[in-house]
Amino acid sequence: MNKRIVVVGSSNTDMIVRIPRIPRPGETVTGGEFAIAPGGKGANQAVAVARAGGDVELIARVGNDLFGKQAIDGFSLNGIKTDHIVCDRETASGVALIFIDREGENSIAVASGANMKLTPNDIEAAEKSIASANSLLLQLEIPQETVKAAVKIAAKHRMMIILNPAPWNPLDDELLRQVTIITPNKAEAEMMSGVKIESESDLASAAKIIHSRGVESVLITLGVQGAFLLGYGLRELVPAFKVQAVDKTAAGDVFNGALAVALAEEKPIREAVRFANAAAALSVTRMGAQPSAPFRNEIDEFLKTSIAELG
C-alpha cells in the first residue's frame, strides 16, 4: 500500500501574543505572553501528517535567513523529506503575527515573503516525487498558479487530491473538477456557495452547491461541531470531541494532515473524519501551530478512551 503524501504549501515563523481579548482597530491590549513557534499552513499540515504516522514530503520555499534554516531543521526533526524545499536568496521567509484570546480564538496577519515566490517551475521540478505519492495535500497560502500546477500533475498521475481552501481565494471550476476532497471551514463554505450557514440543512445546501462545481467530495469543518461530509455515498455530520481549548491556531491544518494519513491508510471515510476530528481536538488543548500537532500514539489513545467513555 502506497501511504506516501506530498504537501505543497507555505512555511512561516509564528510570533504569538496571548492576551485577554483581540484588540479592536486602534486599541492596544496589554498583559500578553509572547512566544515564537514554527507555522505556515503547508508546514503545519506536513508536520501533522508526519506525527500522525504518514510518510511525507513538503514542497515549499523559504528565505535564506535564520527563520528559513530553523524551519528546515524542524522539518527534518519531524521526519519530513525536504529535498524540494527551495531556499530563496532574495526574499525573506514568511512570518505570521498571531493574537490569541483567553477563549483560544485567534487573529492572524501574515507577511508571506518567500511563500509567494513558490512557482510552477518549482512544482514541475518535483514532478517525479509528486507522482510517486498516494496523495497531494494543498492550501492557498501560495500563488494560485502554483496550486494549479501541483493539481495538474497530481491529476495526471491519478492521485488523491485534498484541497484546503484557506486562506480563502476564489477558485475556478476547472481546478475544482480535479479535486478529490475539498475541506473548507464554515466561512469558506459560505463564500464558495453563497449560502449563509445557520443549520444542518444549510450545510447540506452549501455542500451540494460546492459539489455541483465538480469537486468529488465536500467536507466542511465546523470546529466544536465536527465536520459535515457530502461524498462517498454519505451526507452526514461527524461530531467533534469535547475538549477545553487553549489555542485553536492550526486546528484546521492538523485536521487536514490527519485526514490525509487516514485516507492514505484506506480507512473508511467516516473513520478517517473521526480520526481527523480527534487529532484536531488534541491540537487545540496545546499552544502553538506545529507544536500542537499530536503524535499517532496520542491520537489512537484519545480515540480508544473516547470510545470507552461512550461505551
C-alpha atoms as a PDB file:
ATOM      1  CA  MET A   1       0.000   0.000   0.000  1.00  0.00           C
ATOM      2  CA  ASN A   2       1.409   3.414  -1.003  1.00  0.00           C
ATOM      3  CA  LYS A   3       0.866   5.708   2.003  1.00  0.00           C
ATOM      4  CA  ARG A   4       3.206   8.499   0.874  1.00  0.00           C
ATOM      5  CA  ILE A   5       1.790  12.039   1.000  1.00  0.00           C
ATOM      6  CA  VAL A   6       3.151  15.185  -0.648  1.00  0.00           C
ATOM      7  CA  VAL A   7       2.230  18.555   0.839  1.00  0.00           C
ATOM      8  CA  VAL A   8       2.636  21.689  -1.267  1.00  0.00           C
ATOM      9  CA  GLY A   9       2.319  24.921   0.666  1.00  0.00           C
ATOM     10  CA  SER A  10       3.640  27.641   2.903  1.00  0.00           C
ATOM     11  CA  SER A  11       6.167  27.799   5.707  1.00  0.00           C
ATOM     12  CA  ASN A  12       6.077  30.647   8.238  1.00  0.00           C
ATOM     13  CA  THR A  13       7.510  31.555  11.593  1.00  0.00           C
ATOM     14  CA  ASP A  14       4.685  32.428  14.006  1.00  0.00           C
ATOM     15  CA  MET A  15       5.103  35.235  16.526  1.00  0.00           C
ATOM     16  CA  ILE A  16       2.363  34.672  19.079  1.00  0.00           C
ATOM     17  CA  VAL A  17       0.933  37.030  21.709  1.00  0.00           C
ATOM     18  CA  ARG A  18      -1.570  35.570  24.186  1.00  0.00           C
ATOM     19  CA  ILE A  19      -3.834  38.360  25.523  1.00  0.00           C
ATOM     20  CA  PRO A  20      -7.182  38.673  27.336  1.00  0.00           C
ATOM     21  CA  ARG A  21      -9.002  39.667  24.134  1.00  0.00           C
ATOM     22  CA  ILE A  22      -8.303  40.555  20.496  1.00  0.00           C
ATOM     23  CA  PRO A  23      -7.679  44.319  20.100  1.00  0.00           C
ATOM     24  CA  ARG A  24     -10.180  46.427  18.216  1.00  0.00           C
ATOM     25  CA  PRO A  25      -8.860  48.797  15.499  1.00  0.00           C
ATOM     26  CA  GLY A  26      -6.759  51.497  17.147  1.00  0.00           C
ATOM     27  CA  GLU A  27      -6.721  49.718  20.510  1.00  0.00           C
ATOM     28  CA  THR A  28      -3.744  48.412  22.486  1.00  0.00           C
ATOM     29  CA  VAL A  29      -4.288  45.442  24.815  1.00  0.00           C
ATOM     30  CA  THR A  30      -1.541  44.737  27.369  1.00  0.00           C
ATOM     31  CA  GLY A  31      -0.700  41.859  29.681  1.00  0.00           C
ATOM     32  CA  GLY A  32       0.201  39.392  26.966  1.00  0.00           C
ATOM     33  CA  GLU A  33       2.609  36.462  26.856  1.00  0.00           C
ATOM     34  CA  PHE A  34       4.928  36.156  23.837  1.00  0.00           C
ATOM     35  CA  ALA A  35       6.221  33.055  22.065  1.00  0.00           C
ATOM     36  CA  ILE A  36       7.780  32.110  18.716  1.00  0.00           C
ATOM     37  CA  ALA A  37       6.835  28.843  17.003  1.00  0.00           C
ATOM     38  CA  PRO A  38       7.114  27.335  13.513  1.00  0.00           C
ATOM     39  CA  GLY A  39       3.955  27.674  11.405  1.00  0.00           C
ATOM     40  CA  GLY A  40       2.562  28.211   7.913  1.00  0.00           C
ATOM     41  CA  LYS A  41      -0.384  26.160   6.650  1.00  0.00           C
ATOM     42  CA  GLY A  42       1.679  23.905   4.407  1.00  0.00           C
ATOM     43  CA  ALA A  43       4.326  23.266   7.041  1.00  0.00           C
ATOM     44  CA  ASN A  44       1.692  22.749   9.731  1.00  0.00           C
ATOM     45  CA  GLN A  45      -0.069  20.151   7.604  1.00  0.00           C
ATOM     46  CA  ALA A  46       3.185  18.375   6.788  1.00  0.00           C
ATOM     47  CA  VAL A  47       4.078  18.146  10.490  1.00  0.00           C
ATOM     48  CA  ALA A  48       0.551  16.917  11.251  1.00  0.00           C
ATOM     49  CA  VAL A  49       0.955  14.203   8.594  1.00  0.00           C
ATOM     50  CA  ALA A  50       4.353  13.129   9.937  1.00  0.00           C
ATOM     51  CA  ARG A  51       3.242  12.975  13.560  1.00  0.00           C
ATOM     52  CA  ALA A  52       0.044  11.105  12.649  1.00  0.00           C
ATOM     53  CA  GLY A  53       2.180   8.384  11.080  1.00  0.00           C
ATOM     54  CA  GLY A  54       2.389   9.466   7.444  1.00  0.00           C
ATOM     55  CA  ASP A  55       5.385   9.301   5.099  1.00  0.00           C
ATOM     56  CA  VAL A  56       5.508  12.917   3.931  1.00  0.00           C
ATOM     57  CA  GLU A  57       7.449  15.345   1.769  1.00  0.00           C
ATOM     58  CA  LEU A  58       6.959  19.113   1.832  1.00  0.00           C
ATOM     59  CA  ILE A  59       7.407  21.262  -1.272  1.00  0.00           C
ATOM     60  CA  ALA A  60       7.831  24.886  -0.219  1.00  0.00           C
ATOM     61  CA  ARG A  61      10.035  27.979  -0.416  1.00  0.00           C
ATOM     62  CA  VAL A  62      11.776  29.694   2.500  1.00  0.00           C
ATOM     63  CA  GLY A  63      14.186  32.606   2.770  1.00  0.00           C
ATOM     64  CA  ASN A  64      17.943  32.292   3.116  1.00  0.00           C
ATOM     65  CA  ASP A  65      17.703  33.507   6.704  1.00  0.00           C
ATOM     66  CA  LEU A  66      17.570  32.250  10.281  1.00  0.00           C
ATOM     67  CA  PHE A  67      13.831  31.518  10.130  1.00  0.00           C
ATOM     68  CA  GLY A  68      14.218  29.503   6.929  1.00  0.00           C
ATOM     69  CA  LYS A  69      17.102  27.453   8.299  1.00  0.00           C
ATOM     70  CA  GLN A  70      15.240  26.798  11.554  1.00  0.00           C
ATOM     71  CA  ALA A  71      12.183  25.701   9.596  1.00  0.00           C
ATOM     72  CA  ILE A  72      14.126  23.155   7.525  1.00  0.00           C
ATOM     73  CA  ASP A  73      15.839  21.811  10.650  1.00  0.00           C
ATOM     74  CA  GLY A  74      12.424  21.404  12.280  1.00  0.00           C
ATOM     75  CA  PHE A  75      11.036  19.518   9.272  1.00  0.00           C
ATOM     76  CA  SER A  76      13.966  17.124   9.347  1.00  0.00           C
ATOM     77  CA  LEU A  77      13.494  16.505  13.078  1.00  0.00           C
ATOM     78  CA  ASN A  78       9.862  15.574  12.357  1.00  0.00           C
ATOM     79  CA  GLY A  79      10.896  13.124   9.633  1.00  0.00           C
ATOM     80  CA  ILE A  80       9.635  15.272   6.751  1.00  0.00           C
ATOM     81  CA  LYS A  81      11.500  14.983   3.451  1.00  0.00           C
ATOM     82  CA  THR A  82      12.893  18.372   2.413  1.00  0.00           C
ATOM     83  CA  ASP A  83      14.563  17.676  -0.960  1.00  0.00           C
ATOM     84  CA  HIS A  84      12.242  20.109  -2.759  1.00  0.00           C
ATOM     85  CA  ILE A  85      12.237  22.987  -0.293  1.00  0.00           C
ATOM     86  CA  VAL A  86      13.755  25.913  -2.174  1.00  0.00           C
ATOM     87  CA  CYS A  87      15.920  28.435  -0.323  1.00  0.00           C
ATOM     88  CA  ASP A  88      15.244  31.900  -1.784  1.00  0.00           C
ATOM     89  CA  ARG A  89      18.270  34.218  -1.599  1.00  0.00           C
ATOM     90  CA  GLU A  90      16.319  37.393  -2.389  1.00  0.00           C
ATOM     91  CA  THR A  91      13.175  37.186  -0.254  1.00  0.00           C
ATOM     92  CA  ALA A  92      12.719  36.715   3.486  1.00  0.00           C
ATOM     93  CA  SER A  93      10.931  33.739   4.997  1.00  0.00           C
ATOM     94  CA  GLY A  94       7.226  34.110   5.726  1.00  0.00           C
ATOM     95  CA  VAL A  95       6.154  35.458   9.115  1.00  0.00           C
ATOM     96  CA  ALA A  96       2.760  35.369  10.871  1.00  0.00           C
ATOM     97  CA  LEU A  97       1.747  37.656  13.749  1.00  0.00           C
ATOM     98  CA  ILE A  98      -0.890  35.925  15.891  1.00  0.00           C
ATOM     99  CA  PHE A  99      -3.094  37.239  18.698  1.00  0.00           C
ATOM    100  CA  ILE A 100      -4.806  34.592  20.861  1.00  0.00           C
ATOM    101  CA  ASP A 101      -7.513  35.468  23.408  1.00  0.00           C
ATOM    102  CA  ARG A 102      -8.454  33.660  26.619  1.00  0.00           C
ATOM    103  CA  GLU A 103     -11.021  31.524  24.742  1.00  0.00           C
ATOM    104  CA  GLY A 104      -8.397  30.275  22.287  1.00  0.00           C
ATOM    105  CA  GLU A 105      -9.764  32.335  19.381  1.00  0.00           C
ATOM    106  CA  ASN A 106      -7.148  33.990  17.183  1.00  0.00           C
ATOM    107  CA  SER A 107      -6.489  36.877  14.822  1.00  0.00           C
ATOM    108  CA  ILE A 108      -3.644  36.457  12.331  1.00  0.00           C
ATOM    109  CA  ALA A 109      -1.691  38.738   9.984  1.00  0.00           C
ATOM    110  CA  VAL A 110       0.759  37.153   7.545  1.00  0.00           C
ATOM    111  CA  ALA A 111       3.780  38.568   5.691  1.00  0.00           C
ATOM    112  CA  SER A 112       4.032  35.862   3.022  1.00  0.00           C
ATOM    113  CA  GLY A 113       7.630  36.514   1.955  1.00  0.00           C
ATOM    114  CA  ALA A 114       9.202  33.604   0.073  1.00  0.00           C
ATOM    115  CA  ASN A 115       5.938  31.657   0.081  1.00  0.00           C
ATOM    116  CA  MET A 116       4.625  33.826  -2.742  1.00  0.00           C
ATOM    117  CA  LYS A 117       7.745  33.056  -4.787  1.00  0.00           C
ATOM    118  CA  LEU A 118       6.974  29.321  -4.946  1.00  0.00           C
ATOM    119  CA  THR A 119       6.458  28.865  -8.696  1.00  0.00           C
ATOM    120  CA  PRO A 120       5.006  26.312 -11.117  1.00  0.00           C
ATOM    121  CA  ASN A 121       8.613  25.655 -12.164  1.00  0.00           C
ATOM    122  CA  ASP A 122       9.396  24.569  -8.594  1.00  0.00           C
ATOM    123  CA  ILE A 123       6.466  22.162  -8.765  1.00  0.00           C
ATOM    124  CA  GLU A 124       7.419  20.787 -12.176  1.00  0.00           C
ATOM    125  CA  ALA A 125      10.946  20.133 -10.886  1.00  0.00           C
ATOM    126  CA  ALA A 126       9.381  17.919  -8.209  1.00  0.00           C
ATOM    127  CA  GLU A 127       7.014  16.015 -10.536  1.00  0.00           C
ATOM    128  CA  LYS A 128       8.766  12.681 -10.105  1.00  0.00           C
ATOM    129  CA  SER A 129       8.480  12.963  -6.340  1.00  0.00           C
ATOM    130  CA  ILE A 130       4.835  14.026  -6.515  1.00  0.00           C
ATOM    131  CA  ALA A 131       3.958  11.201  -8.892  1.00  0.00           C
ATOM    132  CA  SER A 132       5.411   8.588  -6.524  1.00  0.00           C
ATOM    133  CA  ALA A 133       2.958   9.534  -3.739  1.00  0.00           C
ATOM    134  CA  ASN A 134      -0.520   8.325  -2.852  1.00  0.00           C
ATOM    135  CA  SER A 135      -1.998  11.777  -2.374  1.00  0.00           C
ATOM    136  CA  LEU A 136      -1.422  15.516  -2.618  1.00  0.00           C
ATOM    137  CA  LEU A 137      -2.444  17.979   0.100  1.00  0.00           C
ATOM    138  CA  LEU A 138      -2.582  21.723  -0.637  1.00  0.00           C
ATOM    139  CA  GLN A 139      -3.782  25.069   0.748  1.00  0.00           C
ATOM    140  CA  LEU A 140      -3.911  28.645  -0.612  1.00  0.00           C
ATOM    141  CA  GLU A 141      -1.030  30.458   1.140  1.00  0.00           C
ATOM    142  CA  ILE A 142       0.990  30.196  -2.086  1.00  0.00           C
ATOM    143  CA  PRO A 143       0.271  31.600  -5.583  1.00  0.00           C
ATOM    144  CA  GLN A 144      -2.801  30.052  -7.185  1.00  0.00           C
ATOM    145  CA  GLU A 145      -0.944  29.288 -10.412  1.00  0.00           C
ATOM    146  CA  THR A 146       1.399  27.144  -8.296  1.00  0.00           C
ATOM    147  CA  VAL A 147      -1.569  25.358  -6.730  1.00  0.00           C
ATOM    148  CA  LYS A 148      -2.936  24.710 -10.224  1.00  0.00           C
ATOM    149  CA  ALA A 149       0.409  23.327 -11.404  1.00  0.00           C
ATOM    150  CA  ALA A 150       0.532  20.879  -8.491  1.00  0.00           C
ATOM    151  CA  VAL A 151      -3.080  19.789  -9.011  1.00  0.00           C
ATOM    152  CA  LYS A 152      -2.481  19.287 -12.727  1.00  0.00           C
ATOM    153  CA  ILE A 153       0.475  16.978 -12.075  1.00  0.00           C
ATOM    154  CA  ALA A 154      -1.391  15.020  -9.392  1.00  0.00           C
ATOM    155  CA  ALA A 155      -4.461  14.638 -11.614  1.00  0.00           C
ATOM    156  CA  LYS A 156      -2.284  13.402 -14.472  1.00  0.00           C
ATOM    157  CA  HIS A 157      -0.961  10.666 -12.207  1.00  0.00           C
ATOM    158  CA  ARG A 158      -4.462   9.862 -10.852  1.00  0.00           C
ATOM    159  CA  MET A 159      -3.621  10.747  -7.266  1.00  0.00           C
ATOM    160  CA  MET A 160      -5.991  11.692  -4.486  1.00  0.00           C
ATOM    161  CA  ILE A 161      -6.047  15.489  -4.197  1.00  0.00           C
ATOM    162  CA  ILE A 162      -7.109  17.139  -0.923  1.00  0.00           C
ATOM    163  CA  LEU A 163      -7.516  20.921  -1.146  1.00  0.00           C
ATOM    164  CA  ASN A 164      -7.927  23.050   1.964  1.00  0.00           C
ATOM    165  CA  PRO A 165      -9.183  26.383   0.507  1.00  0.00           C
ATOM    166  CA  ALA A 166      -7.581  28.595   3.145  1.00  0.00           C
ATOM    167  CA  PRO A 167      -6.962  31.428   3.341  1.00  0.00           C
ATOM    168  CA  TRP A 168      -9.931  31.958   1.044  1.00  0.00           C
ATOM    169  CA  ASN A 169      -9.396  32.945  -2.572  1.00  0.00           C
ATOM    170  CA  PRO A 170     -11.913  32.376  -5.401  1.00  0.00           C
ATOM    171  CA  LEU A 171     -11.314  29.096  -7.237  1.00  0.00           C
ATOM    172  CA  ASP A 172     -12.294  28.292 -10.810  1.00  0.00           C
ATOM    173  CA  ASP A 173     -14.322  25.228 -11.750  1.00  0.00           C
ATOM    174  CA  GLU A 174     -11.544  23.797 -13.905  1.00  0.00           C
ATOM    175  CA  LEU A 175      -9.394  23.458 -10.801  1.00  0.00           C
ATOM    176  CA  LEU A 176     -12.233  22.147  -8.642  1.00  0.00           C
ATOM    177  CA  ARG A 177     -13.100  19.398 -11.132  1.00  0.00           C
ATOM    178  CA  GLN A 178      -9.693  17.833 -10.450  1.00  0.00           C
ATOM    179  CA  VAL A 179     -10.043  17.861  -6.645  1.00  0.00           C
ATOM    180  CA  THR A 180     -10.961  14.677  -4.776  1.00  0.00           C
ATOM    181  CA  ILE A 181     -11.880  16.275  -1.444  1.00  0.00           C
ATOM    182  CA  ILE A 182     -12.222  19.957  -0.574  1.00  0.00           C
ATOM    183  CA  THR A 183     -12.160  20.928   3.108  1.00  0.00           C
ATOM    184  CA  PRO A 184     -13.495  24.477   3.652  1.00  0.00           C
ATOM    185  CA  ASN A 185     -14.413  25.731   7.084  1.00  0.00           C
ATOM    186  CA  LYS A 186     -17.848  27.279   7.621  1.00  0.00           C
ATOM    187  CA  ALA A 187     -16.844  30.782   6.462  1.00  0.00           C
ATOM    188  CA  GLU A 188     -15.060  29.440   3.375  1.00  0.00           C
ATOM    189  CA  ALA A 189     -18.023  27.201   2.521  1.00  0.00           C
ATOM    190  CA  GLU A 190     -20.329  30.216   2.730  1.00  0.00           C
ATOM    191  CA  MET A 191     -18.100  32.176   0.352  1.00  0.00           C
ATOM    192  CA  MET A 192     -17.807  29.251  -2.068  1.00  0.00           C
ATOM    193  CA  SER A 193     -21.544  28.535  -2.135  1.00  0.00           C
ATOM    194  CA  GLY A 194     -23.243  31.854  -1.404  1.00  0.00           C
ATOM    195  CA  VAL A 195     -25.264  30.093   1.334  1.00  0.00           C
ATOM    196  CA  LYS A 196     -25.472  31.570   4.845  1.00  0.00           C
ATOM    197  CA  ILE A 197     -24.958  28.521   7.068  1.00  0.00           C
ATOM    198  CA  GLU A 198     -27.176  28.535  10.169  1.00  0.00           C
ATOM    199  CA  SER A 199     -28.443  24.950  10.265  1.00  0.00           C
ATOM    200  CA  GLU A 200     -27.602  21.433   9.124  1.00  0.00           C
ATOM    201  CA  SER A 201     -29.895  21.857   6.118  1.00  0.00           C
ATOM    202  CA  ASP A 202     -27.866  24.954   5.195  1.00  0.00           C
ATOM    203  CA  LEU A 203     -24.719  22.834   5.442  1.00  0.00           C
ATOM    204  CA  ALA A 204     -26.217  20.323   3.042  1.00  0.00           C
ATOM    205  CA  SER A 205     -27.260  23.088   0.624  1.00  0.00           C
ATOM    206  CA  ALA A 206     -23.809  24.694   0.675  1.00  0.00           C
ATOM    207  CA  ALA A 207     -22.082  21.342   0.211  1.00  0.00           C
ATOM    208  CA  LYS A 208     -24.365  20.477  -2.743  1.00  0.00           C
ATOM    209  CA  ILE A 209     -23.537  23.758  -4.482  1.00  0.00           C
ATOM    210  CA  ILE A 210     -19.803  23.236  -3.981  1.00  0.00           C
ATOM    211  CA  HIS A 211     -20.139  19.632  -5.168  1.00  0.00           C
ATOM    212  CA  SER A 212     -22.019  20.817  -8.267  1.00  0.00           C
ATOM    213  CA  ARG A 213     -18.899  22.752  -9.312  1.00  0.00           C
ATOM    214  CA  GLY A 214     -17.125  19.443  -9.911  1.00  0.00           C
ATOM    215  CA  VAL A 215     -15.486  18.511  -6.600  1.00  0.00           C
ATOM    216  CA  GLU A 216     -15.832  14.801  -5.913  1.00  0.00           C
ATOM    217  CA  SER A 217     -16.447  15.159  -2.141  1.00  0.00           C
ATOM    218  CA  VAL A 218     -17.031  18.105   0.207  1.00  0.00           C
ATOM    219  CA  LEU A 219     -16.021  18.132   3.875  1.00  0.00           C
ATOM    220  CA  ILE A 220     -16.975  21.306   5.760  1.00  0.00           C
ATOM    221  CA  THR A 221     -15.083  21.674   9.047  1.00  0.00           C
ATOM    222  CA  LEU A 222     -17.082  23.206  11.899  1.00  0.00           C
ATOM    223  CA  GLY A 223     -14.755  23.332  14.905  1.00  0.00           C
ATOM    224  CA  VAL A 224     -16.577  22.212  18.056  1.00  0.00           C
ATOM    225  CA  GLN A 225     -19.493  20.895  15.975  1.00  0.00           C
ATOM    226  CA  GLY A 226     -17.362  18.476  13.950  1.00  0.00           C
ATOM    227  CA  ALA A 227     -17.333  18.140  10.162  1.00  0.00           C
ATOM    228  CA  PHE A 228     -20.113  17.798   7.578  1.00  0.00           C
ATOM    229  CA  LEU A 229     -19.460  15.298   4.817  1.00  0.00           C
ATOM    230  CA  LEU A 230     -21.078  15.131   1.395  1.00  0.00           C
ATOM    231  CA  GLY A 231     -19.472  12.356  -0.618  1.00  0.00           C
ATOM    232  CA  TYR A 232     -18.544   8.688  -0.623  1.00  0.00           C
ATOM    233  CA  GLY A 233     -22.278   7.986  -0.738  1.00  0.00           C
ATOM    234  CA  LEU A 234     -22.794   9.799   2.577  1.00  0.00           C
ATOM    235  CA  ARG A 235     -24.352  13.051   3.741  1.00  0.00           C
ATOM    236  CA  GLU A 236     -23.852  13.479   7.466  1.00  0.00           C
ATOM    237  CA  LEU A 237     -22.352  15.452  10.317  1.00  0.00           C
ATOM    238  CA  VAL A 238     -19.464  13.660  12.029  1.00  0.00           C
ATOM    239  CA  PRO A 239     -19.382  15.046  15.603  1.00  0.00           C
ATOM    240  CA  ALA A 240     -16.325  16.616  17.203  1.00  0.00           C
ATOM    241  CA  PHE A 241     -14.805  15.652  20.559  1.00  0.00           C
ATOM    242  CA  LYS A 242     -15.342  17.912  23.582  1.00  0.00           C
ATOM    243  CA  VAL A 243     -12.122  19.376  24.987  1.00  0.00           C
ATOM    244  CA  GLN A 244     -11.014  22.553  26.758  1.00  0.00           C
ATOM    245  CA  ALA A 245      -9.432  24.738  24.064  1.00  0.00           C
ATOM    246  CA  VAL A 246      -6.442  26.952  24.835  1.00  0.00           C
ATOM    247  CA  ASP A 247      -5.301  27.763  21.269  1.00  0.00           C
ATOM    248  CA  LYS A 248      -7.227  26.992  18.074  1.00  0.00           C
ATOM    249  CA  THR A 249      -4.351  28.038  15.791  1.00  0.00           C
ATOM    250  CA  ALA A 250      -3.652  25.317  13.188  1.00  0.00           C
ATOM    251  CA  ALA A 251      -6.540  23.073  14.280  1.00  0.00           C
ATOM    252  CA  GLY A 252      -7.721  23.009  10.665  1.00  0.00           C
ATOM    253  CA  ASP A 253      -4.228  22.166   9.459  1.00  0.00           C
ATOM    254  CA  VAL A 254      -3.954  19.296  11.921  1.00  0.00           C
ATOM    255  CA  PHE A 255      -7.383  18.061  10.784  1.00  0.00           C
ATOM    256  CA  ASN A 256      -6.297  18.052   7.142  1.00  0.00           C
ATOM    257  CA  GLY A 257      -2.971  16.361   7.817  1.00  0.00           C
ATOM    258  CA  ALA A 258      -4.573  13.621   9.898  1.00  0.00           C
ATOM    259  CA  LEU A 259      -7.329  13.167   7.306  1.00  0.00           C
ATOM    260  CA  ALA A 260      -4.727  12.666   4.561  1.00  0.00           C
ATOM    261  CA  VAL A 261      -2.986   9.994   6.651  1.00  0.00           C
ATOM    262  CA  ALA A 262      -6.213   8.126   7.425  1.00  0.00           C
ATOM    263  CA  LEU A 263      -7.295   8.124   3.773  1.00  0.00           C
ATOM    264  CA  ALA A 264      -3.832   7.031   2.597  1.00  0.00           C
ATOM    265  CA  GLU A 265      -4.220   4.099   5.011  1.00  0.00           C
ATOM    266  CA  GLU A 266      -7.537   3.332   3.275  1.00  0.00           C
ATOM    267  CA  LYS A 267      -9.652   3.870   6.363  1.00  0.00           C
ATOM    268  CA  PRO A 268     -13.414   4.180   5.638  1.00  0.00           C
ATOM    269  CA  ILE A 269     -14.313   7.850   5.199  1.00  0.00           C
ATOM    270  CA  ARG A 270     -16.345   8.152   8.414  1.00  0.00           C
ATOM    271  CA  GLU A 271     -13.491   6.612  10.398  1.00  0.00           C
ATOM    272  CA  ALA A 272     -10.997   8.899   8.620  1.00  0.00           C
ATOM    273  CA  VAL A 273     -13.002  12.007   9.560  1.00  0.00           C
ATOM    274  CA  ARG A 274     -13.308  10.805  13.156  1.00  0.00           C
ATOM    275  CA  PHE A 275      -9.525  10.276  13.247  1.00  0.00           C
ATOM    276  CA  ALA A 276      -9.021  13.824  11.913  1.00  0.00           C
ATOM    277  CA  ASN A 277     -11.507  15.231  14.455  1.00  0.00           C
ATOM    278  CA  ALA A 278      -9.565  13.527  17.254  1.00  0.00           C
ATOM    279  CA  ALA A 279      -6.248  14.965  16.079  1.00  0.00           C
ATOM    280  CA  ALA A 280      -7.745  18.462  15.807  1.00  0.00           C
ATOM    281  CA  ALA A 281      -9.311  18.166  19.274  1.00  0.00           C
ATOM    282  CA  LEU A 282      -5.962  17.283  20.802  1.00  0.00           C
ATOM    283  CA  SER A 283      -4.268  20.160  18.986  1.00  0.00           C
ATOM    284  CA  VAL A 284      -6.487  22.884  20.491  1.00  0.00           C
ATOM    285  CA  THR A 285      -5.513  21.829  24.013  1.00  0.00           C
ATOM    286  CA  ARG A 286      -1.932  22.967  23.288  1.00  0.00           C
ATOM    287  CA  MET A 287      -0.245  26.242  22.393  1.00  0.00           C
ATOM    288  CA  GLY A 288       1.356  26.928  19.016  1.00  0.00           C
ATOM    289  CA  ALA A 289       0.812  25.691  15.475  1.00  0.00           C
ATOM    290  CA  GLN A 290       3.254  22.869  14.747  1.00  0.00           C
ATOM    291  CA  PRO A 291       3.992  22.186  18.444  1.00  0.00           C
ATOM    292  CA  SER A 292       0.284  21.395  18.943  1.00  0.00           C
ATOM    293  CA  ALA A 293       0.153  18.580  16.353  1.00  0.00           C
ATOM    294  CA  PRO A 294      -0.367  15.262  18.183  1.00  0.00           C
ATOM    295  CA  PHE A 295       1.596  12.067  17.582  1.00  0.00           C
ATOM    296  CA  ARG A 296      -0.040   8.875  16.321  1.00  0.00           C
ATOM    297  CA  ASN A 297       0.009   7.098  19.665  1.00  0.00           C
ATOM    298  CA  GLU A 298      -1.741  10.099  21.253  1.00  0.00           C
ATOM    299  CA  ILE A 299      -4.481  10.111  18.626  1.00  0.00           C
ATOM    300  CA  ASP A 300      -5.030   6.366  18.906  1.00  0.00           C
ATOM    301  CA  GLU A 301      -5.165   6.540  22.713  1.00  0.00           C
ATOM    302  CA  PHE A 302      -7.571   9.512  22.621  1.00  0.00           C
ATOM    303  CA  LEU A 303      -9.886   7.618  20.284  1.00  0.00           C
ATOM    304  CA  LYS A 304      -9.688   4.479  22.414  1.00  0.00           C
ATOM    305  CA  THR A 305     -10.504   6.469  25.573  1.00  0.00           C
ATOM    306  CA  SER A 306     -13.380   8.288  23.859  1.00  0.00           C
ATOM    307  CA  ILE A 307     -14.910   5.017  22.664  1.00  0.00           C
ATOM    308  CA  ALA A 308     -14.571   3.555  26.170  1.00  0.00           C
ATOM    309  CA  GLU A 309     -16.322   6.598  27.685  1.00  0.00           C
ATOM    310  CA  LEU A 310     -19.178   6.290  25.187  1.00  0.00           C
ATOM    311  CA  GLY A 311     -19.496   2.602  25.981  1.00  0.00           C
END
